[in-house]
Amino acid sequence: MLTAPAPEIKRRGVGAFDEALAEGPLCLIRNNRPAYVLLSFDAFRELEDAATLSRVAASEEDVRAGRVARGTADELTAVLAGD
């Protein structure tokens, strides 16, 4: 992963890093430590999509394993509230 000092964003603007972002995420360093990750919108969407697929797969596994409770919203809320 490429790195750059965080103040460079303020000094040069995000557009100055377009070429670096084409290669992948950019780690921004502040006080000599990794502080932020800058990534393209397409890369962000890919991460979001992967996270969504992972959550759906985990939910499907819960259903197959019988780790679900069925009922109305009111019934489930009562169970969660301990009523």
C-alpha atoms as a PDB file:
ATOM      1  CA  MET A   1       0.000   0.000   0.000  1.00  0.00           C
ATOM      2  CA  LEU A   2       1.326   3.408  -0.909  1.00  0.00           C
ATOM      3  CA  THR A   3       1.738   6.010   1.829  1.00  0.00           C
ATOM      4  CA  ALA A   4       1.683   9.810   2.015  1.00  0.00           C
ATOM      5  CA  PRO A   5       1.790  12.343   4.835  1.00  0.00           C
ATOM      6  CA  ALA A   6      -1.729  13.483   5.798  1.00  0.00           C
ATOM      7  CA  PRO A   7      -0.884  17.212   5.463  1.00  0.00           C
ATOM      8  CA  GLU A   8      -0.212  16.593   1.750  1.00  0.00           C
ATOM      9  CA  ILE A   9      -3.961  16.261   1.210  1.00  0.00           C
ATOM     10  CA  LYS A  10      -4.482  19.786   2.534  1.00  0.00           C
ATOM     11  CA  ARG A  11      -1.490  21.156   0.664  1.00  0.00           C
ATOM     12  CA  ARG A  12      -2.040  19.471  -2.708  1.00  0.00           C
ATOM     13  CA  GLY A  13      -5.707  18.403  -2.641  1.00  0.00           C
ATOM     14  CA  VAL A  14      -7.122  14.930  -3.130  1.00  0.00           C
ATOM     15  CA  GLY A  15      -6.853  15.167  -6.912  1.00  0.00           C
ATOM     16  CA  ALA A  16      -3.074  15.152  -6.625  1.00  0.00           C
ATOM     17  CA  PHE A  17      -3.306  11.510  -5.539  1.00  0.00           C
ATOM     18  CA  ASP A  18      -5.431  10.215  -8.421  1.00  0.00           C
ATOM     19  CA  GLU A  19      -2.482   8.419  -9.993  1.00  0.00           C
ATOM     20  CA  ALA A  20      -1.567   6.706  -6.716  1.00  0.00           C
ATOM     21  CA  LEU A  21      -5.200   5.727  -6.116  1.00  0.00           C
ATOM     22  CA  ALA A  22      -5.287   4.014  -9.508  1.00  0.00           C
ATOM     23  CA  GLU A  23      -2.806   1.536  -8.014  1.00  0.00           C
ATOM     24  CA  GLY A  24      -4.882   0.933  -4.882  1.00  0.00           C
ATOM     25  CA  PRO A  25      -5.635   2.438  -1.461  1.00  0.00           C
ATOM     26  CA  LEU A  26      -3.361   5.128  -0.070  1.00  0.00           C
ATOM     27  CA  CYS A  27      -2.370   5.089   3.600  1.00  0.00           C
ATOM     28  CA  LEU A  28      -2.119   8.587   5.066  1.00  0.00           C
ATOM     29  CA  ILE A  29       0.438   9.088   7.806  1.00  0.00           C
ATOM     30  CA  ARG A  30      -0.050  11.537  10.674  1.00  0.00           C
ATOM     31  CA  ASN A  31       2.495  11.938  13.472  1.00  0.00           C
ATOM     32  CA  ASN A  32       4.561   9.132  11.931  1.00  0.00           C
ATOM     33  CA  ARG A  33       1.694   6.645  12.297  1.00  0.00           C
ATOM     34  CA  PRO A  34      -0.899   5.306   9.852  1.00  0.00           C
ATOM     35  CA  ALA A  35      -4.000   7.414  10.440  1.00  0.00           C
ATOM     36  CA  TYR A  36      -6.331   7.156   7.438  1.00  0.00           C
ATOM     37  CA  VAL A  37      -6.897   5.159   4.277  1.00  0.00           C
ATOM     38  CA  LEU A  38      -7.889   6.963   1.106  1.00  0.00           C
ATOM     39  CA  LEU A  39      -9.457   4.837  -1.593  1.00  0.00           C
ATOM     40  CA  SER A  40     -11.356   5.353  -4.807  1.00  0.00           C
ATOM     41  CA  PHE A  41     -15.130   5.254  -4.773  1.00  0.00           C
ATOM     42  CA  ASP A  42     -15.077   2.061  -6.857  1.00  0.00           C
ATOM     43  CA  ALA A  43     -12.797   0.387  -4.313  1.00  0.00           C
ATOM     44  CA  PHE A  44     -15.084   1.553  -1.506  1.00  0.00           C
ATOM     45  CA  ARG A  45     -18.128   0.082  -3.281  1.00  0.00           C
ATOM     46  CA  GLU A  46     -16.293  -3.231  -3.733  1.00  0.00           C
ATOM     47  CA  LEU A  47     -15.610  -3.335   0.014  1.00  0.00           C
ATOM     48  CA  GLU A  48     -19.247  -2.508   0.768  1.00  0.00           C
ATOM     49  CA  ASP A  49     -20.479  -5.205  -1.608  1.00  0.00           C
ATOM     50  CA  ALA A  50     -18.132  -7.798  -0.100  1.00  0.00           C
ATOM     51  CA  ALA A  51     -19.288  -6.895   3.428  1.00  0.00           C
ATOM     52  CA  THR A  52     -22.935  -7.166   2.379  1.00  0.00           C
ATOM     53  CA  LEU A  53     -22.368 -10.586   0.803  1.00  0.00           C
ATOM     54  CA  SER A  54     -20.595 -11.735   3.948  1.00  0.00           C
ATOM     55  CA  ARG A  55     -23.494 -10.607   6.162  1.00  0.00           C
ATOM     56  CA  VAL A  56     -26.021 -12.330   3.897  1.00  0.00           C
ATOM     57  CA  ALA A  57     -23.997 -15.557   3.949  1.00  0.00           C
ATOM     58  CA  ALA A  58     -23.789 -15.429   7.760  1.00  0.00           C
ATOM     59  CA  SER A  59     -27.556 -14.855   7.974  1.00  0.00           C
ATOM     60  CA  GLU A  60     -28.244 -17.764   5.656  1.00  0.00           C
ATOM     61  CA  GLU A  61     -26.028 -19.975   7.818  1.00  0.00           C
ATOM     62  CA  ASP A  62     -27.981 -18.858  10.909  1.00  0.00           C
ATOM     63  CA  VAL A  63     -31.230 -19.900   9.199  1.00  0.00           C
ATOM     64  CA  ARG A  64     -29.798 -23.312   8.198  1.00  0.00           C
ATOM     65  CA  ALA A  65     -28.500 -23.868  11.739  1.00  0.00           C
ATOM     66  CA  GLY A  66     -31.834 -22.912  13.311  1.00  0.00           C
ATOM     67  CA  ARG A  67     -30.441 -19.831  15.054  1.00  0.00           C
ATOM     68  CA  VAL A  68     -33.394 -17.638  14.130  1.00  0.00           C
ATOM     69  CA  ALA A  69     -36.572 -16.609  15.905  1.00  0.00           C
ATOM     70  CA  ARG A  70     -39.712 -16.068  13.923  1.00  0.00           C
ATOM     71  CA  GLY A  71     -42.585 -13.845  14.949  1.00  0.00           C
ATOM     72  CA  THR A  72     -44.029 -10.402  14.605  1.00  0.00           C
ATOM     73  CA  ALA A  73     -41.955  -7.320  15.294  1.00  0.00           C
ATOM     74  CA  ASP A  74     -43.825  -6.822  18.563  1.00  0.00           C
ATOM     75  CA  GLU A  75     -43.167 -10.419  19.643  1.00  0.00           C
ATOM     76  CA  LEU A  76     -39.469 -10.198  18.850  1.00  0.00           C
ATOM     77  CA  THR A  77     -39.177  -6.822  20.588  1.00  0.00           C
ATOM     78  CA  ALA A  78     -40.783  -8.320  23.699  1.00  0.00           C
ATOM     79  CA  VAL A  79     -38.307 -11.214  23.649  1.00  0.00           C
ATOM     80  CA  LEU A  80     -35.377  -8.805  23.355  1.00  0.00           C
ATOM     81  CA  ALA A  81     -36.769  -6.645  26.166  1.00  0.00           C
ATOM     82  CA  GLY A  82     -37.110  -9.702  28.387  1.00  0.00           C
ATOM     83  CA  ASP A  83     -40.891  -9.451  28.705  1.00  0.00           C
END
